[in-house]
Amino acid sequence: MTMTDFMRLPTEAQWQWARVAGWPGPDGSSSSTDHIMGVRIGITSGDWNSLQYAANRHDWRYFLGRLMGLGGDFRAEADRAYRDDCISAVRAALSGWKLAVAVARCHARYAGLRVGARFAWTQAQRLTNLQWAPAFPAA
């Protein structure tokens, strides 16, 4: 799988396949709130339309990384995209000091992901999900 393929959002068919195969869907922002300064960045939902939220896109990418047994460079790119998606969301909704605080929080969440989310990209998780990989639908 290329980085471009990995970063591409799933088709609705791929999403539905993953849900039928047993993936529960995104759980929003796992270790913090689903908002940054009032701007929603995640939601617990199995709905394909929930991909509008940064945390939900990030959850998809972690699922895909585990499914395909991808290396740490893919995890790093998923984490950077989460940070950048969060920054885009807060920039679209906030200004002034609230924007400055929100951007700082986006960077803090990114740092937390880099340190604390390794467990979500573990070999045990990969092995659990690899059984599904051969049947994953093409884009």
N, C-alpha and C. Protein backbone atom coordinates (compact mmCIF):
# COMPACT_ATOMS: atom_id res chain seq x y z
N MET A 1 0.85 -1.18 0.00
CA MET A 1 0.00 0.00 0.00
C MET A 1 0.90 1.24 0.00
N THR A 2 0.58 2.18 -0.86
CA THR A 2 1.35 3.43 -0.89
C THR A 2 0.80 4.40 0.16
N MET A 3 1.58 5.41 0.46
CA MET A 3 1.13 6.43 1.40
C MET A 3 -0.11 7.15 0.84
N THR A 4 -0.13 7.38 -0.45
CA THR A 4 -1.28 8.03 -1.07
C THR A 4 -2.54 7.19 -0.88
N ASP A 5 -2.43 5.88 -1.11
CA ASP A 5 -3.57 4.99 -0.90
C ASP A 5 -4.01 5.01 0.56
N PHE A 6 -3.05 5.00 1.45
CA PHE A 6 -3.35 5.00 2.89
C PHE A 6 -4.08 6.27 3.31
N MET A 7 -3.65 7.39 2.81
CA MET A 7 -4.23 8.67 3.23
C MET A 7 -5.58 8.96 2.56
N ARG A 8 -5.87 8.28 1.47
CA ARG A 8 -7.14 8.47 0.78
C ARG A 8 -8.27 8.01 1.70
N LEU A 9 -9.35 8.78 1.74
CA LEU A 9 -10.49 8.38 2.55
C LEU A 9 -11.18 7.19 1.89
N PRO A 10 -11.82 6.36 2.69
CA PRO A 10 -12.44 5.16 2.12
C PRO A 10 -13.67 5.49 1.29
N THR A 11 -13.92 4.62 0.34
CA THR A 11 -15.20 4.70 -0.36
C THR A 11 -16.28 4.22 0.62
N GLU A 12 -17.51 4.51 0.29
CA GLU A 12 -18.58 4.03 1.16
C GLU A 12 -18.60 2.50 1.19
N ALA A 13 -18.26 1.86 0.07
CA ALA A 13 -18.22 0.39 0.02
C ALA A 13 -17.13 -0.16 0.95
N GLN A 14 -15.95 0.46 0.97
CA GLN A 14 -14.88 0.03 1.85
C GLN A 14 -15.30 0.20 3.31
N TRP A 15 -15.91 1.33 3.60
CA TRP A 15 -16.38 1.61 4.96
C TRP A 15 -17.38 0.54 5.41
N GLN A 16 -18.37 0.28 4.55
CA GLN A 16 -19.40 -0.70 4.91
C GLN A 16 -18.80 -2.10 5.05
N TRP A 17 -17.83 -2.44 4.20
CA TRP A 17 -17.15 -3.72 4.32
C TRP A 17 -16.50 -3.85 5.69
N ALA A 18 -15.78 -2.81 6.12
CA ALA A 18 -15.11 -2.84 7.42
C ALA A 18 -16.11 -2.99 8.55
N ARG A 19 -17.24 -2.31 8.44
CA ARG A 19 -18.27 -2.40 9.49
C ARG A 19 -18.85 -3.82 9.55
N VAL A 20 -19.14 -4.41 8.40
CA VAL A 20 -19.67 -5.77 8.36
C VAL A 20 -18.63 -6.77 8.89
N ALA A 21 -17.35 -6.50 8.60
CA ALA A 21 -16.27 -7.38 9.03
C ALA A 21 -16.01 -7.30 10.54
N GLY A 22 -16.62 -6.32 11.21
CA GLY A 22 -16.49 -6.27 12.65
C GLY A 22 -15.88 -5.01 13.23
N TRP A 23 -15.42 -4.09 12.38
CA TRP A 23 -14.89 -2.84 12.92
C TRP A 23 -16.05 -2.02 13.45
N PRO A 24 -15.97 -1.57 14.71
CA PRO A 24 -17.10 -0.84 15.28
C PRO A 24 -17.25 0.59 14.76
N GLY A 25 -16.26 1.08 14.05
CA GLY A 25 -16.30 2.45 13.57
C GLY A 25 -15.55 3.37 14.51
N PRO A 26 -15.43 4.63 14.15
CA PRO A 26 -14.69 5.59 14.97
C PRO A 26 -15.33 5.78 16.34
N ASP A 27 -14.48 5.99 17.31
CA ASP A 27 -14.98 6.28 18.65
C ASP A 27 -14.70 7.72 19.03
N GLY A 28 -14.55 8.57 18.02
CA GLY A 28 -14.29 9.98 18.30
C GLY A 28 -12.88 10.17 18.81
N SER A 29 -12.69 11.18 19.58
CA SER A 29 -11.38 11.49 20.14
C SER A 29 -11.22 10.70 21.44
N SER A 30 -10.39 9.70 21.42
CA SER A 30 -10.33 8.70 22.49
C SER A 30 -9.89 9.22 23.85
N SER A 31 -8.86 10.01 23.90
CA SER A 31 -8.29 10.40 25.20
C SER A 31 -8.60 11.83 25.60
N SER A 32 -9.44 12.49 24.85
CA SER A 32 -9.81 13.86 25.19
C SER A 32 -11.19 14.14 24.61
N THR A 33 -11.66 15.33 24.80
CA THR A 33 -13.00 15.66 24.32
C THR A 33 -13.05 15.67 22.79
N ASP A 34 -14.25 15.62 22.28
CA ASP A 34 -14.46 15.65 20.82
C ASP A 34 -14.58 17.07 20.30
N HIS A 35 -14.16 18.04 21.11
CA HIS A 35 -14.20 19.45 20.72
C HIS A 35 -12.87 20.11 21.07
N ILE A 36 -12.52 21.11 20.30
CA ILE A 36 -11.41 21.98 20.63
C ILE A 36 -11.97 23.39 20.62
N MET A 37 -12.04 24.01 21.78
CA MET A 37 -12.59 25.37 21.91
C MET A 37 -13.97 25.47 21.25
N GLY A 38 -14.79 24.43 21.44
CA GLY A 38 -16.15 24.43 20.90
C GLY A 38 -16.28 23.92 19.48
N VAL A 39 -15.18 23.62 18.81
CA VAL A 39 -15.21 23.12 17.43
C VAL A 39 -15.18 21.59 17.48
N ARG A 40 -16.19 20.95 16.93
CA ARG A 40 -16.25 19.49 16.94
C ARG A 40 -15.17 18.92 16.03
N ILE A 41 -14.42 17.96 16.57
CA ILE A 41 -13.38 17.30 15.78
C ILE A 41 -13.55 15.78 15.76
N GLY A 42 -14.56 15.27 16.46
CA GLY A 42 -14.80 13.83 16.47
C GLY A 42 -16.17 13.50 17.02
N ILE A 43 -16.62 12.29 16.71
CA ILE A 43 -17.90 11.81 17.20
C ILE A 43 -17.88 10.29 17.15
N THR A 44 -18.46 9.66 18.15
CA THR A 44 -18.60 8.21 18.12
C THR A 44 -19.72 7.88 17.15
N SER A 45 -19.37 7.23 16.04
CA SER A 45 -20.37 6.96 15.01
C SER A 45 -19.82 5.95 14.01
N GLY A 46 -20.68 5.06 13.59
CA GLY A 46 -20.34 4.14 12.52
C GLY A 46 -20.78 4.63 11.16
N ASP A 47 -21.33 5.83 11.11
CA ASP A 47 -21.84 6.41 9.87
C ASP A 47 -20.68 6.90 9.00
N TRP A 48 -20.71 6.52 7.74
CA TRP A 48 -19.66 6.93 6.79
C TRP A 48 -19.52 8.45 6.73
N ASN A 49 -20.62 9.17 6.91
CA ASN A 49 -20.58 10.63 6.87
C ASN A 49 -19.80 11.23 8.04
N SER A 50 -19.51 10.44 9.06
CA SER A 50 -18.74 10.96 10.20
C SER A 50 -17.29 11.24 9.82
N LEU A 51 -16.89 10.89 8.61
CA LEU A 51 -15.53 11.17 8.15
C LEU A 51 -15.26 12.66 7.99
N GLN A 52 -16.28 13.48 8.15
CA GLN A 52 -16.08 14.92 8.09
C GLN A 52 -15.25 15.41 9.28
N TYR A 53 -15.13 14.59 10.32
CA TYR A 53 -14.42 14.99 11.53
C TYR A 53 -12.99 14.43 11.55
N ALA A 54 -12.07 15.27 11.98
CA ALA A 54 -10.65 14.91 12.00
C ALA A 54 -10.37 13.63 12.79
N ALA A 55 -10.95 13.50 13.97
CA ALA A 55 -10.69 12.32 14.80
C ALA A 55 -11.23 11.06 14.14
N ASN A 56 -12.33 11.17 13.42
CA ASN A 56 -12.90 10.01 12.76
C ASN A 56 -12.05 9.57 11.57
N ARG A 57 -11.51 10.52 10.83
CA ARG A 57 -10.58 10.17 9.75
C ARG A 57 -9.34 9.49 10.33
N HIS A 58 -8.89 10.00 11.47
CA HIS A 58 -7.72 9.42 12.13
C HIS A 58 -8.01 7.99 12.58
N ASP A 59 -9.18 7.75 13.14
CA ASP A 59 -9.55 6.39 13.55
C ASP A 59 -9.57 5.45 12.35
N TRP A 60 -10.10 5.92 11.22
CA TRP A 60 -10.11 5.08 10.01
C TRP A 60 -8.67 4.71 9.62
N ARG A 61 -7.80 5.69 9.64
CA ARG A 61 -6.42 5.44 9.21
C ARG A 61 -5.71 4.47 10.16
N TYR A 62 -5.98 4.56 11.44
CA TYR A 62 -5.39 3.60 12.37
C TYR A 62 -5.95 2.20 12.10
N PHE A 63 -7.24 2.11 11.87
CA PHE A 63 -7.84 0.82 11.53
C PHE A 63 -7.17 0.24 10.29
N LEU A 64 -7.03 1.06 9.25
CA LEU A 64 -6.43 0.60 8.01
C LEU A 64 -4.97 0.20 8.21
N GLY A 65 -4.24 0.97 9.00
CA GLY A 65 -2.85 0.64 9.29
C GLY A 65 -2.71 -0.70 9.98
N ARG A 66 -3.59 -0.97 10.94
CA ARG A 66 -3.56 -2.27 11.63
C ARG A 66 -3.98 -3.38 10.68
N LEU A 67 -5.02 -3.12 9.90
CA LEU A 67 -5.53 -4.10 8.97
C LEU A 67 -4.46 -4.56 7.99
N MET A 68 -3.71 -3.61 7.48
CA MET A 68 -2.70 -3.91 6.46
C MET A 68 -1.31 -4.17 7.04
N GLY A 69 -1.17 -4.07 8.36
CA GLY A 69 0.12 -4.31 8.97
C GLY A 69 1.17 -3.29 8.57
N LEU A 70 0.78 -2.03 8.48
CA LEU A 70 1.68 -0.98 8.00
C LEU A 70 2.63 -0.51 9.09
N GLY A 71 3.76 0.04 8.67
CA GLY A 71 4.81 0.47 9.58
C GLY A 71 4.56 1.84 10.21
N GLY A 72 5.48 2.21 11.07
CA GLY A 72 5.37 3.44 11.83
C GLY A 72 5.35 4.71 11.01
N ASP A 73 5.90 4.69 9.80
CA ASP A 73 5.85 5.88 8.96
C ASP A 73 4.40 6.20 8.57
N PHE A 74 3.57 5.18 8.43
CA PHE A 74 2.16 5.41 8.13
C PHE A 74 1.45 5.98 9.35
N ARG A 75 1.79 5.48 10.52
CA ARG A 75 1.20 6.02 11.75
C ARG A 75 1.58 7.49 11.90
N ALA A 76 2.84 7.82 11.64
CA ALA A 76 3.29 9.21 11.76
C ALA A 76 2.51 10.11 10.81
N GLU A 77 2.28 9.64 9.59
CA GLU A 77 1.53 10.45 8.62
C GLU A 77 0.07 10.61 9.04
N ALA A 78 -0.52 9.57 9.59
CA ALA A 78 -1.90 9.66 10.10
C ALA A 78 -1.98 10.68 11.22
N ASP A 79 -0.99 10.68 12.10
CA ASP A 79 -0.98 11.62 13.22
C ASP A 79 -0.79 13.06 12.74
N ARG A 80 0.10 13.26 11.76
CA ARG A 80 0.28 14.62 11.21
C ARG A 80 -1.00 15.11 10.54
N ALA A 81 -1.66 14.22 9.81
CA ALA A 81 -2.90 14.60 9.14
C ALA A 81 -3.97 14.97 10.17
N TYR A 82 -4.02 14.24 11.29
CA TYR A 82 -4.97 14.56 12.35
C TYR A 82 -4.72 15.98 12.86
N ARG A 83 -3.45 16.28 13.15
CA ARG A 83 -3.10 17.62 13.63
C ARG A 83 -3.52 18.67 12.61
N ASP A 84 -3.16 18.45 11.36
CA ASP A 84 -3.46 19.44 10.32
C ASP A 84 -4.96 19.58 10.08
N ASP A 85 -5.70 18.47 10.14
CA ASP A 85 -7.15 18.53 9.98
C ASP A 85 -7.80 19.28 11.14
N CYS A 86 -7.29 19.06 12.35
CA CYS A 86 -7.82 19.80 13.51
C CYS A 86 -7.54 21.30 13.36
N ILE A 87 -6.33 21.64 12.94
CA ILE A 87 -5.99 23.05 12.75
C ILE A 87 -6.89 23.68 11.68
N SER A 88 -7.14 22.96 10.60
CA SER A 88 -8.03 23.49 9.55
C SER A 88 -9.44 23.73 10.10
N ALA A 89 -9.93 22.81 10.92
CA ALA A 89 -11.27 22.94 11.48
C ALA A 89 -11.37 24.16 12.40
N VAL A 90 -10.37 24.34 13.27
CA VAL A 90 -10.45 25.47 14.20
C VAL A 90 -10.22 26.79 13.47
N ARG A 91 -9.38 26.80 12.46
CA ARG A 91 -9.17 28.04 11.68
C ARG A 91 -10.43 28.47 10.95
N ALA A 92 -11.23 27.50 10.53
CA ALA A 92 -12.46 27.83 9.82
C ALA A 92 -13.54 28.39 10.76
N ALA A 93 -13.40 28.13 12.05
CA ALA A 93 -14.46 28.50 12.98
C ALA A 93 -14.09 29.58 13.99
N LEU A 94 -12.81 29.79 14.22
CA LEU A 94 -12.39 30.68 15.31
C LEU A 94 -11.49 31.80 14.79
N SER A 95 -11.30 32.79 15.64
CA SER A 95 -10.36 33.87 15.34
C SER A 95 -9.80 34.40 16.65
N GLY A 96 -8.82 35.30 16.53
CA GLY A 96 -8.25 35.96 17.69
C GLY A 96 -7.60 35.01 18.68
N TRP A 97 -7.74 35.34 19.95
CA TRP A 97 -7.09 34.55 20.99
C TRP A 97 -7.64 33.13 21.07
N LYS A 98 -8.92 32.94 20.74
CA LYS A 98 -9.49 31.59 20.77
C LYS A 98 -8.81 30.71 19.72
N LEU A 99 -8.54 31.27 18.56
CA LEU A 99 -7.84 30.52 17.53
C LEU A 99 -6.44 30.17 17.99
N ALA A 100 -5.74 31.11 18.60
CA ALA A 100 -4.38 30.85 19.07
C ALA A 100 -4.36 29.71 20.09
N VAL A 101 -5.30 29.74 21.03
CA VAL A 101 -5.38 28.67 22.04
C VAL A 101 -5.74 27.35 21.38
N ALA A 102 -6.68 27.38 20.45
CA ALA A 102 -7.11 26.16 19.77
C ALA A 102 -5.96 25.53 18.97
N VAL A 103 -5.19 26.34 18.27
CA VAL A 103 -4.06 25.81 17.50
C VAL A 103 -3.03 25.19 18.45
N ALA A 104 -2.78 25.84 19.58
CA ALA A 104 -1.87 25.27 20.57
C ALA A 104 -2.39 23.92 21.07
N ARG A 105 -3.69 23.81 21.26
CA ARG A 105 -4.28 22.55 21.70
C ARG A 105 -4.16 21.48 20.62
N CYS A 106 -4.28 21.87 19.36
CA CYS A 106 -4.09 20.91 18.26
C CYS A 106 -2.68 20.33 18.30
N HIS A 107 -1.70 21.20 18.53
CA HIS A 107 -0.32 20.72 18.61
C HIS A 107 -0.11 19.85 19.84
N ALA A 108 -0.76 20.19 20.95
CA ALA A 108 -0.63 19.38 22.16
C ALA A 108 -1.26 17.99 21.95
N ARG A 109 -2.39 17.95 21.28
CA ARG A 109 -3.02 16.65 21.00
C ARG A 109 -2.12 15.81 20.09
N TYR A 110 -1.51 16.44 19.13
CA TYR A 110 -0.59 15.74 18.24
C TYR A 110 0.57 15.15 19.05
N ALA A 111 1.15 15.94 19.92
CA ALA A 111 2.25 15.45 20.76
C ALA A 111 1.78 14.27 21.61
N GLY A 112 0.58 14.37 22.15
CA GLY A 112 0.03 13.28 22.94
C GLY A 112 -0.15 12.01 22.13
N LEU A 113 -0.60 12.15 20.89
CA LEU A 113 -0.75 11.00 20.00
C LEU A 113 0.59 10.33 19.75
N ARG A 114 1.58 11.14 19.46
CA ARG A 114 2.89 10.58 19.13
C ARG A 114 3.46 9.79 20.30
N VAL A 115 3.18 10.24 21.52
CA VAL A 115 3.71 9.56 22.70
C VAL A 115 2.79 8.44 23.16
N GLY A 116 1.48 8.70 23.19
CA GLY A 116 0.58 7.79 23.87
C GLY A 116 -0.21 6.83 23.03
N ALA A 117 -0.20 6.95 21.72
CA ALA A 117 -1.07 6.09 20.91
C ALA A 117 -0.33 4.92 20.27
N ARG A 118 0.88 4.67 20.70
CA ARG A 118 1.61 3.52 20.13
C ARG A 118 0.88 2.22 20.35
N PHE A 119 0.19 2.11 21.50
CA PHE A 119 -0.54 0.88 21.81
C PHE A 119 -1.58 0.56 20.74
N ALA A 120 -2.12 1.58 20.10
CA ALA A 120 -3.15 1.38 19.09
C ALA A 120 -2.57 0.91 17.76
N TRP A 121 -1.26 0.88 17.67
CA TRP A 121 -0.58 0.48 16.42
C TRP A 121 0.33 -0.72 16.71
N THR A 122 -0.05 -1.55 17.67
CA THR A 122 0.82 -2.64 18.11
C THR A 122 0.74 -3.86 17.22
N GLN A 123 1.70 -4.72 17.36
CA GLN A 123 1.72 -5.97 16.61
C GLN A 123 0.49 -6.82 16.94
N ALA A 124 0.09 -6.86 18.20
CA ALA A 124 -1.08 -7.65 18.58
C ALA A 124 -2.32 -7.16 17.84
N GLN A 125 -2.48 -5.85 17.75
CA GLN A 125 -3.62 -5.30 17.02
C GLN A 125 -3.52 -5.64 15.54
N ARG A 126 -2.34 -5.57 14.99
CA ARG A 126 -2.16 -5.89 13.58
C ARG A 126 -2.56 -7.33 13.30
N LEU A 127 -2.10 -8.24 14.15
CA LEU A 127 -2.40 -9.65 13.94
C LEU A 127 -3.89 -9.92 14.04
N THR A 128 -4.56 -9.24 14.94
CA THR A 128 -6.00 -9.39 15.09
C THR A 128 -6.71 -8.99 13.80
N ASN A 129 -6.27 -7.94 13.18
CA ASN A 129 -6.96 -7.40 12.01
C ASN A 129 -6.46 -7.95 10.68
N LEU A 130 -5.29 -8.55 10.64
CA LEU A 130 -4.74 -9.02 9.37
C LEU A 130 -5.60 -10.10 8.72
N GLN A 131 -6.39 -10.81 9.52
CA GLN A 131 -7.23 -11.84 8.93
C GLN A 131 -8.21 -11.25 7.92
N TRP A 132 -8.51 -9.96 8.01
CA TRP A 132 -9.45 -9.34 7.10
C TRP A 132 -8.78 -8.78 5.84
N ALA A 133 -7.50 -8.52 5.89
CA ALA A 133 -6.82 -7.78 4.83
C ALA A 133 -7.02 -8.34 3.43
N PRO A 134 -6.94 -9.65 3.21
CA PRO A 134 -7.06 -10.14 1.82
C PRO A 134 -8.40 -9.81 1.17
N ALA A 135 -9.44 -9.60 1.96
CA ALA A 135 -10.76 -9.34 1.39
C ALA A 135 -11.09 -7.86 1.29
N PHE A 136 -10.16 -6.98 1.66
CA PHE A 136 -10.45 -5.55 1.66
C PHE A 136 -10.74 -5.08 0.23
N PRO A 137 -11.88 -4.42 0.01
CA PRO A 137 -12.25 -4.00 -1.37
C PRO A 137 -11.34 -2.90 -1.90
N ALA A 138 -11.05 -2.97 -3.17
CA ALA A 138 -10.24 -1.94 -3.83
C ALA A 138 -11.04 -0.65 -3.94
N ALA A 139 -10.30 0.46 -4.03
CA ALA A 139 -10.96 1.78 -4.14
C ALA A 139 -11.66 1.93 -5.47
